[in-house]
């Protein structure tokens, strides 16, 4: 079983490496939730906790343009 230290967490402003569903973890004001991001976008800041929010890839997804070229 993998430890929590093996998870890759991304910060706001970093480029989204893989299109997919990400777990979004905030500082105190909100429970974690899921959000979908496209590859090469930048992870956003949070309106309340600013740059203290973190993102973890839960499930990669194939983007529409990748499906067409296959």
Protein backbone atom coordinates (compact mmCIF):
# COMPACT_ATOMS: atom_id res chain seq x y z
CA UNK A 1 0.00 0.00 0.00
CA UNK A 2 1.43 3.38 -1.01
CA UNK A 3 2.05 5.97 1.67
CA UNK A 4 0.67 9.50 1.54
CA UNK A 5 4.18 10.81 0.84
CA UNK A 6 4.11 9.06 -2.57
CA UNK A 7 1.24 11.25 -3.82
CA UNK A 8 2.12 14.05 -6.21
CA UNK A 9 0.46 17.30 -5.20
CA UNK A 10 0.29 20.27 -7.53
CA UNK A 11 0.11 23.94 -6.59
CA UNK A 12 -1.77 26.84 -8.22
CA UNK A 13 0.14 28.22 -11.19
CA UNK A 14 1.71 24.88 -12.09
CA UNK A 15 0.88 23.42 -15.48
CA UNK A 16 -1.62 20.55 -15.46
CA UNK A 17 0.51 17.57 -16.58
CA UNK A 18 -2.32 15.18 -17.46
CA UNK A 19 -5.96 15.80 -18.33
CA UNK A 20 -8.16 14.25 -15.71
CA UNK A 21 -10.16 14.37 -12.54
CA UNK A 22 -8.27 15.89 -9.64
CA UNK A 23 -8.90 15.97 -5.91
CA UNK A 24 -8.90 19.60 -4.77
CA UNK A 25 -7.84 20.11 -1.14
CA UNK A 26 -8.44 23.46 0.53
CA UNK A 27 -7.19 24.90 3.83
CA UNK A 28 -9.94 24.75 6.48
CA UNK A 29 -12.85 26.46 4.72
CA UNK A 30 -14.02 23.59 2.50
CA UNK A 31 -13.93 19.81 2.33
CA UNK A 32 -11.96 18.23 -0.53
CA UNK A 33 -13.86 17.94 -3.80
CA UNK A 34 -13.22 16.82 -7.38
CA UNK A 35 -12.60 18.97 -10.45
CA UNK A 36 -11.68 18.26 -14.05
CA UNK A 37 -8.72 19.96 -15.72
CA UNK A 38 -7.32 19.85 -19.25
CA UNK A 39 -3.65 19.18 -19.88
CA UNK A 40 -1.43 22.26 -20.26
CA UNK A 41 -3.82 24.56 -18.39
CA UNK A 42 -2.59 26.07 -15.13
CA UNK A 43 -4.01 25.02 -11.79
CA UNK A 44 -6.06 27.93 -10.39
CA UNK A 45 -5.85 29.66 -7.04
CA UNK A 46 -8.80 29.47 -4.65
CA UNK A 47 -10.93 32.57 -4.00
CA UNK A 48 -10.70 31.94 -0.25
CA UNK A 49 -7.45 30.10 0.54
CA UNK A 50 -5.54 31.57 -2.43
CA UNK A 51 -2.40 29.54 -3.15
CA UNK A 52 -2.85 27.15 -0.20
CA UNK A 53 -5.06 24.86 -2.32
CA UNK A 54 -3.52 21.61 -3.66
CA UNK A 55 -4.43 19.27 -6.51
CA UNK A 56 -3.94 15.50 -6.80
CA UNK A 57 -4.66 13.44 -9.93
CA UNK A 58 -7.31 10.81 -9.19
CA UNK A 59 -8.16 9.59 -12.69
CA UNK A 60 -6.56 10.53 -16.01
CA UNK A 61 -8.98 11.08 -18.90
CA UNK A 62 -8.43 11.13 -22.62
CA UNK A 63 -9.13 14.55 -24.11
CA UNK A 64 -11.43 14.83 -27.13
CA UNK A 65 -8.60 15.85 -29.49
CA UNK A 66 -6.64 12.72 -28.49
CA UNK A 67 -9.64 10.50 -29.30
CA UNK A 68 -10.06 12.00 -32.79
CA UNK A 69 -6.42 11.44 -33.75
CA UNK A 70 -6.44 7.80 -32.63
